[in-house]
N, C-alpha and C. Protein backbone atom coordinates (compact mmCIF):
# COMPACT_ATOMS: atom_id res chain seq x y z
N MET A 1 112.08 66.89 114.80
CA MET A 1 110.74 67.46 114.57
C MET A 1 110.07 68.27 115.62
N ASN A 2 110.54 68.14 116.95
CA ASN A 2 109.95 68.86 117.87
C ASN A 2 110.40 70.35 117.82
N GLN A 3 110.92 70.84 116.70
CA GLN A 3 111.29 72.00 116.71
C GLN A 3 110.31 72.93 116.08
N TYR A 4 108.99 72.26 115.63
CA TYR A 4 108.26 73.25 114.92
C TYR A 4 106.82 73.35 115.91
N VAL A 5 106.62 72.25 116.77
CA VAL A 5 105.67 72.19 117.48
C VAL A 5 105.87 71.77 118.99
N THR A 6 105.76 72.03 119.97
CA THR A 6 105.92 71.22 121.18
C THR A 6 104.53 70.58 121.92
N GLY A 7 105.05 69.22 122.53
CA GLY A 7 103.97 68.81 123.01
C GLY A 7 103.31 69.35 124.33
N ALA A 8 104.09 70.22 124.71
CA ALA A 8 104.00 70.70 126.29
C ALA A 8 103.02 71.68 125.74
N MET A 9 103.27 72.73 124.67
CA MET A 9 102.41 73.67 124.32
C MET A 9 100.98 73.14 123.84
N ILE A 10 101.08 71.96 123.19
CA ILE A 10 99.82 71.54 122.70
C ILE A 10 98.88 71.43 123.87
N GLN A 11 99.41 70.55 125.02
CA GLN A 11 98.58 70.13 126.23
C GLN A 11 98.28 71.54 127.03
N ARG A 12 99.01 72.25 127.07
CA ARG A 12 98.76 73.58 127.71
C ARG A 12 97.59 74.41 127.36
N LEU A 13 97.70 74.62 125.96
CA LEU A 13 96.69 75.17 125.14
C LEU A 13 95.38 74.31 125.34
N ARG A 14 95.43 73.10 125.19
CA ARG A 14 94.21 72.35 125.03
C ARG A 14 93.57 72.51 126.42
N ARG A 15 94.24 72.32 127.73
CA ARG A 15 93.85 72.47 128.99
C ARG A 15 93.28 73.79 129.19
N ARG A 16 93.82 74.86 128.70
CA ARG A 16 93.18 76.20 128.75
C ARG A 16 91.94 76.52 128.13
N ARG A 17 91.75 75.73 126.92
CA ARG A 17 90.37 75.67 126.42
C ARG A 17 89.37 74.53 126.88
N ALA A 18 89.80 73.97 127.88
CA ALA A 18 88.73 72.92 128.49
C ALA A 18 88.67 71.98 127.51
N LEU A 19 89.26 71.59 126.76
CA LEU A 19 88.97 70.19 125.85
C LEU A 19 89.82 69.24 126.38
N THR A 20 89.06 67.95 126.11
CA THR A 20 89.75 66.50 126.35
C THR A 20 90.52 66.37 125.09
N GLN A 21 91.51 65.31 125.41
CA GLN A 21 92.14 64.83 124.11
C GLN A 21 91.20 64.53 122.92
N GLN A 22 90.04 63.73 123.40
CA GLN A 22 89.14 63.30 122.57
C GLN A 22 88.29 64.40 121.46
N GLN A 23 87.92 65.40 122.48
CA GLN A 23 87.54 66.39 121.97
C GLN A 23 88.51 67.30 120.76
N LEU A 24 89.64 67.37 121.22
CA LEU A 24 90.44 67.86 120.16
C LEU A 24 90.74 67.12 119.13
N ALA A 25 90.99 65.63 119.30
CA ALA A 25 90.93 64.69 118.04
C ALA A 25 89.67 64.96 117.13
N ASP A 26 88.59 64.88 117.84
CA ASP A 26 87.28 65.11 116.91
C ASP A 26 87.51 66.32 116.00
N ARG A 27 87.91 67.31 116.63
CA ARG A 27 87.93 68.69 115.88
C ARG A 27 88.82 68.63 114.52
N LEU A 28 89.83 67.86 114.75
CA LEU A 28 91.10 67.56 113.79
C LEU A 28 91.01 66.31 113.06
N GLY A 29 89.96 65.71 113.17
CA GLY A 29 89.98 64.34 112.36
C GLY A 29 90.87 63.06 112.67
N VAL A 30 91.42 63.18 113.91
CA VAL A 30 92.52 62.30 114.30
C VAL A 30 92.09 61.49 115.35
N SER A 31 92.86 60.70 115.81
CA SER A 31 92.36 59.74 117.30
C SER A 31 93.06 60.56 118.57
N ASP A 32 92.13 60.10 119.34
CA ASP A 32 92.86 60.83 120.72
C ASP A 32 93.77 60.16 121.05
N LYS A 33 94.33 59.03 120.59
CA LYS A 33 95.69 58.38 120.64
C LYS A 33 96.95 59.33 120.00
N ALA A 34 96.33 59.68 119.17
CA ALA A 34 97.47 60.64 118.40
C ALA A 34 97.83 61.94 119.11
N VAL A 35 96.64 62.57 119.52
CA VAL A 35 96.82 63.71 120.22
C VAL A 35 97.54 63.44 121.62
N SER A 36 97.32 62.28 122.27
CA SER A 36 98.26 61.51 123.40
C SER A 36 99.78 61.61 122.96
N ARG A 37 99.87 61.03 121.75
CA ARG A 37 101.46 61.08 121.25
C ARG A 37 102.10 62.37 121.17
N TRP A 38 101.36 63.29 120.72
CA TRP A 38 101.93 64.52 120.41
C TRP A 38 102.31 65.31 121.81
N GLU A 39 101.36 65.07 122.58
CA GLU A 39 101.59 65.56 124.02
C GLU A 39 102.58 65.19 125.00
N THR A 40 102.82 63.77 124.65
CA THR A 40 104.21 63.10 125.35
C THR A 40 105.35 63.33 124.63
N GLY A 41 105.58 63.89 123.31
CA GLY A 41 106.61 63.87 122.49
C GLY A 41 106.83 62.69 121.95
N ARG A 42 105.88 61.73 121.60
CA ARG A 42 106.21 60.32 121.21
C ARG A 42 105.88 60.44 119.75
N GLY A 43 105.21 61.43 119.34
CA GLY A 43 104.75 61.73 117.89
C GLY A 43 104.61 63.24 117.70
N TYR A 44 104.49 63.77 116.49
CA TYR A 44 104.01 64.86 115.92
C TYR A 44 103.07 65.08 115.03
N PRO A 45 102.16 66.38 115.28
CA PRO A 45 101.16 66.53 114.19
C PRO A 45 101.67 66.76 112.68
N ASP A 46 101.13 66.08 111.80
CA ASP A 46 101.71 66.34 110.55
C ASP A 46 101.41 68.02 110.18
N ILE A 47 102.42 68.26 109.31
CA ILE A 47 102.42 69.76 109.24
C ILE A 47 101.27 70.28 108.37
N SER A 48 100.57 69.69 107.97
CA SER A 48 99.34 69.69 107.30
C SER A 48 98.17 70.25 108.33
N LEU A 49 98.30 69.78 109.58
CA LEU A 49 97.35 70.06 110.78
C LEU A 49 97.80 71.12 111.29
N ILE A 50 98.78 71.78 111.20
CA ILE A 50 99.24 72.91 112.07
C ILE A 50 98.03 74.13 112.13
N GLU A 51 97.78 74.47 110.91
CA GLU A 51 96.72 75.46 110.84
C GLU A 51 95.48 75.00 111.78
N PRO A 52 94.93 73.94 111.35
CA PRO A 52 93.69 73.53 111.97
C PRO A 52 93.77 73.39 113.47
N LEU A 53 95.16 72.85 113.86
CA LEU A 53 95.26 72.93 115.20
C LEU A 53 95.47 74.12 116.12
N SER A 54 96.03 75.21 115.40
CA SER A 54 96.03 76.20 116.18
C SER A 54 94.68 77.08 116.10
N ALA A 55 93.97 76.67 114.97
CA ALA A 55 92.49 77.38 115.19
C ALA A 55 91.70 76.50 116.39
N ALA A 56 91.88 75.46 116.56
CA ALA A 56 91.19 74.60 117.59
C ALA A 56 91.75 74.91 118.95
N LEU A 57 93.11 75.45 119.19
CA LEU A 57 93.45 75.55 120.27
C LEU A 57 93.35 77.22 120.50
N GLY A 58 93.02 78.04 119.52
CA GLY A 58 92.40 79.55 119.70
C GLY A 58 93.57 80.33 119.80
N VAL A 59 94.44 80.12 118.89
CA VAL A 59 95.73 80.82 118.94
C VAL A 59 96.24 81.00 117.51
N SER A 60 97.32 81.67 117.25
CA SER A 60 97.63 81.93 115.96
C SER A 60 98.67 80.94 115.44
N VAL A 61 98.97 80.54 114.45
CA VAL A 61 100.04 79.62 114.10
C VAL A 61 101.50 80.02 114.38
N ILE A 62 101.91 81.47 114.54
CA ILE A 62 102.93 81.84 115.12
C ILE A 62 103.08 81.38 116.73
N GLU A 63 101.87 81.63 117.53
CA GLU A 63 102.06 81.45 118.87
C GLU A 63 102.33 80.18 118.84
N LEU A 64 101.48 79.16 118.11
CA LEU A 64 101.77 77.64 118.52
C LEU A 64 102.88 77.26 118.02
N LEU A 65 103.64 77.85 116.89
CA LEU A 65 105.20 77.20 116.76
C LEU A 65 106.03 77.93 117.43
N SER A 66 106.00 78.93 118.19
CA SER A 66 106.87 79.88 118.78
C SER A 66 107.03 79.00 120.37
N GLY A 67 106.28 78.20 120.58
CA GLY A 67 105.92 77.59 121.99
C GLY A 67 105.88 78.38 123.17
N GLU A 68 105.37 79.68 123.00
CA GLU A 68 105.39 80.49 124.12
C GLU A 68 104.05 81.16 123.76
N ASP A 69 103.49 81.65 124.89
CA ASP A 69 102.21 82.53 124.80
C ASP A 69 102.46 84.02 124.30
N VAL A 70 101.76 84.46 123.25
CA VAL A 70 102.10 85.85 122.69
C VAL A 70 101.23 86.65 123.66
N VAL A 71 102.04 87.67 124.51
CA VAL A 71 101.41 88.54 125.19
C VAL A 71 101.72 90.10 124.53
N ASN A 72 100.61 91.01 124.77
CA ASN A 72 100.56 92.31 123.97
C ASN A 72 101.29 93.11 125.14
N THR A 73 102.72 93.60 124.86
CA THR A 73 103.58 94.28 125.81
C THR A 73 103.61 95.55 125.18
N ASN A 74 102.99 96.05 123.94
CA ASN A 74 102.97 97.37 123.58
C ASN A 74 101.45 97.86 123.96
N ARG A 75 101.27 98.17 125.03
CA ARG A 75 100.17 98.57 125.63
C ARG A 75 99.77 100.01 125.13
N ALA A 76 100.67 100.93 124.93
CA ALA A 76 100.34 102.23 124.59
C ALA A 76 101.09 102.67 123.11
N PHE A 77 100.38 103.45 122.30
CA PHE A 77 100.94 103.94 121.10
C PHE A 77 102.16 104.74 121.44
N HIS A 78 103.22 104.51 120.70
CA HIS A 78 104.34 105.56 121.11
C HIS A 78 105.20 105.82 119.56
N MET A 79 104.91 106.85 119.10
CA MET A 79 105.80 106.92 117.82
C MET A 79 106.88 106.56 117.66
N LEU A 80 107.89 106.22 118.81
CA LEU A 80 109.11 105.86 118.34
C LEU A 80 109.35 104.22 118.13
N ARG A 81 108.08 103.53 118.58
CA ARG A 81 107.96 102.21 118.11
C ARG A 81 107.23 102.00 116.81
N MET A 82 106.69 102.74 116.17
CA MET A 82 105.95 102.71 115.07
C MET A 82 106.97 102.12 114.17
N LYS A 83 106.31 100.94 113.27
CA LYS A 83 107.08 100.30 112.08
C LYS A 83 106.13 100.60 110.88
N LEU A 84 106.92 100.75 109.77
CA LEU A 84 106.32 100.89 108.58
C LEU A 84 106.74 99.46 107.69
N TYR A 85 105.91 98.93 106.77
CA TYR A 85 106.08 98.13 105.65
C TYR A 85 105.93 98.65 104.51
N VAL A 86 106.15 98.07 103.51
CA VAL A 86 105.96 98.34 102.15
C VAL A 86 106.00 96.93 101.33
N CYS A 87 105.06 96.56 100.56
CA CYS A 87 105.04 95.67 99.62
C CYS A 87 105.57 95.92 98.48
N PRO A 88 106.85 95.14 98.23
CA PRO A 88 107.52 95.33 96.84
C PRO A 88 106.71 94.78 95.64
N LEU A 89 105.78 93.86 95.99
CA LEU A 89 104.84 93.25 94.45
C LEU A 89 103.66 94.50 94.30
N CYS A 90 102.95 94.77 95.27
CA CYS A 90 101.74 95.38 94.99
C CYS A 90 101.79 97.05 95.51
N GLY A 91 102.76 97.50 96.33
CA GLY A 91 102.88 98.72 96.68
C GLY A 91 102.26 98.93 98.25
N ASN A 92 101.42 97.81 98.61
CA ASN A 92 100.95 98.27 99.99
C ASN A 92 101.58 98.78 101.04
N VAL A 93 101.13 99.70 101.70
CA VAL A 93 101.97 100.23 102.82
C VAL A 93 101.19 100.02 103.96
N ILE A 94 102.01 99.53 104.91
CA ILE A 94 101.11 99.08 106.24
C ILE A 94 101.84 99.85 107.49
N GLN A 95 101.21 100.08 108.27
CA GLN A 95 101.82 100.77 109.45
C GLN A 95 101.27 99.96 110.75
N SER A 96 102.32 99.80 111.64
CA SER A 96 101.91 99.17 112.75
C SER A 96 102.43 100.02 114.03
N ALA A 97 101.73 99.61 115.33
CA ALA A 97 102.23 100.61 116.42
C ALA A 97 103.43 99.96 116.99
N GLY A 98 104.12 98.90 116.64
CA GLY A 98 105.00 98.38 117.27
C GLY A 98 105.63 97.25 116.40
N GLU A 99 106.31 96.17 117.26
CA GLU A 99 106.86 95.14 116.24
C GLU A 99 105.65 94.16 115.92
N ALA A 100 105.66 93.74 114.54
CA ALA A 100 104.78 92.93 114.08
C ALA A 100 105.24 91.88 113.27
N VAL A 101 104.64 90.66 112.68
CA VAL A 101 104.98 89.84 111.46
C VAL A 101 104.21 90.36 110.56
N VAL A 102 104.32 90.89 109.34
CA VAL A 102 103.81 91.45 108.47
C VAL A 102 103.76 90.67 107.09
N SER A 103 102.87 90.13 106.50
CA SER A 103 102.83 89.61 105.28
C SER A 103 101.73 90.31 104.15
N CYS A 104 102.37 90.30 103.02
CA CYS A 104 101.59 90.90 101.79
C CYS A 104 101.93 90.04 100.65
N CYS A 105 100.93 89.58 99.97
CA CYS A 105 101.22 88.89 98.62
C CYS A 105 102.17 87.76 98.91
N GLY A 106 102.21 87.14 99.78
CA GLY A 106 102.68 85.83 100.31
C GLY A 106 103.87 85.95 100.73
N LEU A 107 104.48 87.32 100.72
CA LEU A 107 105.66 87.72 101.37
C LEU A 107 105.66 88.31 102.63
N VAL A 108 106.95 87.78 103.74
CA VAL A 108 106.84 88.09 105.07
C VAL A 108 107.95 89.54 104.98
N LEU A 109 107.48 90.76 105.29
CA LEU A 109 107.95 92.00 105.03
C LEU A 109 109.01 92.46 105.92
N PRO A 110 109.89 93.05 106.01
CA PRO A 110 110.87 93.52 106.83
C PRO A 110 110.34 94.97 107.23
N ALA A 111 110.45 95.44 108.45
CA ALA A 111 110.15 96.67 108.80
C ALA A 111 111.21 97.70 108.03
N LEU A 112 110.70 98.79 107.59
CA LEU A 112 111.62 99.79 107.30
C LEU A 112 112.31 100.49 107.97
N GLU A 113 113.53 100.73 107.75
CA GLU A 113 114.52 101.69 108.67
C GLU A 113 114.67 103.07 108.10
N ALA A 114 114.34 104.02 108.64
CA ALA A 114 114.13 105.17 108.31
C ALA A 114 115.58 105.83 108.28
N GLU A 115 116.11 106.55 107.15
CA GLU A 115 117.40 107.05 106.79
C GLU A 115 117.12 108.61 107.06
N ALA A 116 118.29 109.34 107.24
CA ALA A 116 118.25 110.73 107.28
C ALA A 116 118.25 111.34 105.67
N GLU A 117 117.89 112.17 105.35
CA GLU A 117 117.60 112.60 104.02
C GLU A 117 118.95 113.02 103.43
N ASN A 118 118.85 113.07 102.08
CA ASN A 118 120.27 113.31 101.52
C ASN A 118 119.99 114.25 100.38
N GLY A 119 121.16 114.51 99.52
CA GLY A 119 120.82 115.59 98.50
C GLY A 119 119.57 115.22 97.57
N GLU A 120 119.49 114.14 96.97
CA GLU A 120 118.60 113.80 96.02
C GLU A 120 116.94 113.43 96.92
N HIS A 121 117.11 113.22 98.18
CA HIS A 121 115.74 113.03 98.74
C HIS A 121 115.74 114.29 99.79
N HIS A 122 115.62 115.22 99.76
CA HIS A 122 115.60 116.44 100.44
C HIS A 122 114.12 116.99 100.37
N LEU A 123 113.29 117.07 101.39
CA LEU A 123 111.99 117.44 101.68
C LEU A 123 111.82 118.88 102.18
N ARG A 124 111.30 119.67 101.33
CA ARG A 124 110.95 121.02 101.49
C ARG A 124 109.64 121.16 102.12
N ILE A 125 109.84 121.91 103.44
CA ILE A 125 108.83 122.09 104.45
C ILE A 125 108.53 123.50 104.39
N GLU A 126 107.23 124.07 104.10
CA GLU A 126 106.79 125.34 104.09
C GLU A 126 105.49 125.16 105.08
N ARG A 127 105.31 126.61 105.82
CA ARG A 127 104.43 126.81 106.58
C ARG A 127 103.07 127.56 105.88
N ALA A 128 101.96 126.90 105.75
CA ALA A 128 101.12 127.68 105.16
C ALA A 128 99.77 127.77 106.11
N GLU A 129 99.58 128.88 106.99
CA GLU A 129 98.41 128.98 107.88
C GLU A 129 98.98 128.01 109.10
N ASP A 130 97.82 126.98 109.15
CA ASP A 130 98.05 125.88 110.13
C ASP A 130 98.38 124.58 109.83
N GLU A 131 98.97 124.53 108.55
CA GLU A 131 99.74 123.38 107.89
C GLU A 131 100.94 123.59 107.14
N TYR A 132 101.45 122.21 107.20
CA TYR A 132 102.88 122.19 106.65
C TYR A 132 102.50 121.59 105.08
N TYR A 133 103.00 122.46 104.21
CA TYR A 133 103.00 122.24 102.97
C TYR A 133 104.38 121.50 102.40
N VAL A 134 104.59 120.17 102.20
CA VAL A 134 105.92 119.41 101.81
C VAL A 134 105.85 118.78 100.20
N SER A 135 107.14 118.99 100.04
CA SER A 135 107.23 118.79 98.67
C SER A 135 108.70 118.31 98.48
N LEU A 136 108.82 117.42 97.26
CA LEU A 136 110.03 117.10 96.80
C LEU A 136 110.34 117.32 95.51
N SER A 137 111.49 117.72 94.89
CA SER A 137 111.82 117.60 93.59
C SER A 137 112.52 116.14 93.30
N HIS A 138 111.79 115.29 92.83
CA HIS A 138 112.11 113.96 92.82
C HIS A 138 111.66 113.47 91.56
N PRO A 139 112.19 112.37 90.83
CA PRO A 139 111.42 111.91 89.96
C PRO A 139 110.22 111.22 89.97
N MET A 140 109.18 111.22 89.16
CA MET A 140 107.80 110.62 89.43
C MET A 140 107.71 110.03 88.29
N ASP A 141 108.33 108.88 87.80
CA ASP A 141 107.96 107.99 86.75
C ASP A 141 107.82 106.77 87.15
N LYS A 142 107.40 105.56 86.44
CA LYS A 142 106.96 104.57 86.83
C LYS A 142 108.15 103.55 87.52
N SER A 143 109.24 103.88 87.13
CA SER A 143 110.40 102.99 87.69
C SER A 143 111.20 103.64 88.90
N HIS A 144 110.70 105.10 89.14
CA HIS A 144 111.16 105.70 90.13
C HIS A 144 110.40 106.75 90.57
N TYR A 145 109.91 106.83 92.00
CA TYR A 145 108.97 107.78 92.53
C TYR A 145 108.78 107.66 94.20
N ILE A 146 108.34 108.61 94.33
CA ILE A 146 107.96 108.71 95.72
C ILE A 146 106.65 107.97 96.06
N SER A 147 106.34 107.14 96.92
CA SER A 147 105.53 106.24 96.90
C SER A 147 104.19 106.99 97.74
N PHE A 148 104.71 107.44 99.01
CA PHE A 148 103.93 108.08 99.90
C PHE A 148 104.66 109.30 100.79
N LEU A 149 104.20 110.19 101.24
CA LEU A 149 104.38 111.16 102.16
C LEU A 149 103.41 111.00 103.52
N ALA A 150 103.95 111.21 104.76
CA ALA A 150 103.12 111.01 105.83
C ALA A 150 103.65 111.85 106.89
N ALA A 151 102.80 112.22 107.82
CA ALA A 151 103.12 112.66 108.97
C ALA A 151 102.52 112.11 110.10
N ALA A 152 103.40 111.92 111.50
CA ALA A 152 103.26 111.39 112.55
C ALA A 152 103.11 112.06 113.69
N GLY A 153 102.09 111.64 114.59
CA GLY A 153 102.35 112.63 115.82
C GLY A 153 102.14 111.68 116.97
N ASP A 154 102.35 112.15 118.31
CA ASP A 154 102.43 111.21 119.40
C ASP A 154 101.03 110.37 119.21
N ASP A 155 99.86 110.52 118.81
CA ASP A 155 98.65 109.89 118.61
C ASP A 155 97.95 109.72 117.27
N SER A 156 98.65 110.07 116.11
CA SER A 156 98.02 110.04 114.76
C SER A 156 99.26 109.70 113.77
N TRP A 157 98.45 109.21 112.68
CA TRP A 157 99.44 108.91 111.28
C TRP A 157 98.45 109.46 110.47
N ARG A 158 98.89 110.24 109.36
CA ARG A 158 98.29 110.66 108.15
C ARG A 158 99.17 110.62 107.10
N MET A 159 98.76 109.87 106.13
CA MET A 159 99.58 109.50 104.83
C MET A 159 98.76 109.98 103.53
N LYS A 160 99.66 110.48 102.84
CA LYS A 160 99.11 110.69 101.34
C LYS A 160 99.91 109.73 100.40
N LYS A 161 99.00 108.89 99.87
CA LYS A 161 99.49 108.06 98.78
C LYS A 161 99.84 108.51 97.54
N LEU A 162 101.15 108.42 97.12
CA LEU A 162 101.26 109.07 95.53
C LEU A 162 101.45 107.96 94.42
N TYR A 163 101.51 108.32 93.34
CA TYR A 163 101.46 107.39 92.33
C TYR A 163 102.43 107.98 91.07
N PRO A 164 102.92 107.29 90.44
CA PRO A 164 103.85 107.84 89.39
C PRO A 164 103.29 109.08 88.62
N GLU A 165 103.79 110.00 87.95
CA GLU A 165 103.43 111.29 87.18
C GLU A 165 102.73 112.16 88.25
N TRP A 166 102.19 111.73 89.29
CA TRP A 166 101.71 112.89 90.21
C TRP A 166 103.03 113.49 90.74
N ASN A 167 102.60 114.82 91.47
CA ASN A 167 103.34 115.52 91.98
C ASN A 167 103.90 115.03 93.43
N ALA A 168 105.01 115.26 93.91
CA ALA A 168 105.33 114.67 95.09
C ALA A 168 104.98 115.84 96.23
N GLU A 169 104.12 115.75 96.75
CA GLU A 169 103.48 117.06 97.58
C GLU A 169 102.49 116.48 98.35
N ALA A 170 102.18 117.26 99.74
CA ALA A 170 101.05 117.02 100.46
C ALA A 170 101.08 118.02 101.34
N ARG A 171 99.84 118.28 102.07
CA ARG A 171 99.71 119.10 103.16
C ARG A 171 99.39 118.36 104.64
N PHE A 172 99.80 118.74 105.68
CA PHE A 172 99.65 117.99 106.90
C PHE A 172 99.46 119.00 107.79
N PRO A 173 98.54 118.75 108.97
CA PRO A 173 98.27 119.87 109.77
C PRO A 173 99.52 120.05 110.78
N ILE A 174 99.79 121.29 111.18
CA ILE A 174 101.04 121.54 111.94
C ILE A 174 100.80 120.98 113.41
N PRO A 175 99.58 121.29 114.09
CA PRO A 175 99.41 120.69 115.45
C PRO A 175 99.78 119.01 115.48
N GLY A 176 100.34 118.56 116.31
CA GLY A 176 100.72 117.07 116.47
C GLY A 176 101.53 116.58 115.67
N THR A 177 102.11 117.29 114.71
CA THR A 177 102.86 116.52 114.11
C THR A 177 104.24 116.60 114.32
N ARG A 178 105.14 115.69 114.77
CA ARG A 178 106.47 115.54 115.19
C ARG A 178 107.46 115.10 114.06
N TYR A 179 107.06 113.99 113.10
CA TYR A 179 108.01 113.78 112.20
C TYR A 179 107.15 113.50 110.73
N LEU A 180 107.89 113.87 109.84
CA LEU A 180 107.53 113.59 108.47
C LEU A 180 108.35 112.65 107.86
N TYR A 181 107.45 111.68 107.27
CA TYR A 181 108.05 110.48 106.40
C TYR A 181 107.95 110.46 104.97
N TYR A 182 108.75 109.85 104.31
CA TYR A 182 108.57 109.83 102.77
C TYR A 182 109.21 108.61 102.05
N TYR A 183 108.64 107.87 101.25
CA TYR A 183 109.41 106.53 100.88
C TYR A 183 109.50 106.54 99.27
N CYS A 184 110.88 106.59 99.02
CA CYS A 184 111.20 106.35 97.58
C CYS A 184 111.10 104.82 97.13
N ASN A 185 110.60 104.49 96.03
CA ASN A 185 110.65 102.95 95.89
C ASN A 185 111.95 102.48 95.32
N ARG A 186 112.99 103.22 95.39
CA ARG A 186 114.38 102.66 95.16
C ARG A 186 115.10 102.64 96.27
N HIS A 187 115.03 104.00 97.06
CA HIS A 187 116.05 104.10 97.90
C HIS A 187 115.53 104.13 99.38
N GLY A 188 114.31 103.78 99.41
CA GLY A 188 113.57 103.51 100.91
C GLY A 188 112.97 104.61 101.59
N LEU A 189 112.75 104.42 102.88
CA LEU A 189 112.39 105.50 103.70
C LEU A 189 113.22 106.39 104.43
N PHE A 190 112.37 107.75 104.47
CA PHE A 190 113.19 109.03 105.03
C PHE A 190 112.25 109.39 105.96
N ARG A 191 112.98 109.92 107.09
CA ARG A 191 112.37 110.79 108.27
C ARG A 191 113.09 112.13 108.58
N VAL A 192 112.32 113.19 108.74
CA VAL A 192 112.81 114.39 109.05
C VAL A 192 111.74 114.90 110.06
N SER A 193 112.34 115.93 111.20
CA SER A 193 111.41 116.41 111.77
C SER A 193 111.14 117.95 111.48
N PRO A 194 109.85 118.17 111.60
CA PRO A 194 109.70 119.83 110.91
C PRO A 194 110.34 120.63 111.79
N PRO A 195 110.53 121.98 111.25
CA PRO A 195 111.17 123.24 112.15
C PRO A 195 110.20 123.58 113.07
């Protein structure tokens, strides 16, 4: 049972918050003896207490269960660390500046891996004054379509969400655009560098 939460972690977080065992117990509706048993490894909190325990200790459930403090090591945004996630149920598109645990519609989503374009997924890129006009000749029906087109720069992210029966096209500013992304609901994420 010590695999899902450690007594040492509970004790360290409780002390960091300057709580006594009794104060923590009162917040959770348990006895101070129960908290003592958890901290010494002679007992473990019921799984139904994990979420209230993490809230009382001021950490996320993931941090509590990992047994380690989660420290933000991604101090600066860098496009090469950017991750994209797409929910297969609702189509929600989520962008993060680095590694993350992302969930939507009750599912934990894997980060998408960008692939090189191929014959069926070839992005046409044209310059129109100070913009890139990008388009694809791709099916845009309810079962097979391009979900979004996006432009990423060193410090920016612009996305155009697309829907079935729309044209797969968008305009993005040339200055600052380093990569263009597009997502096919059947074949995944593609990334190209503009000329």
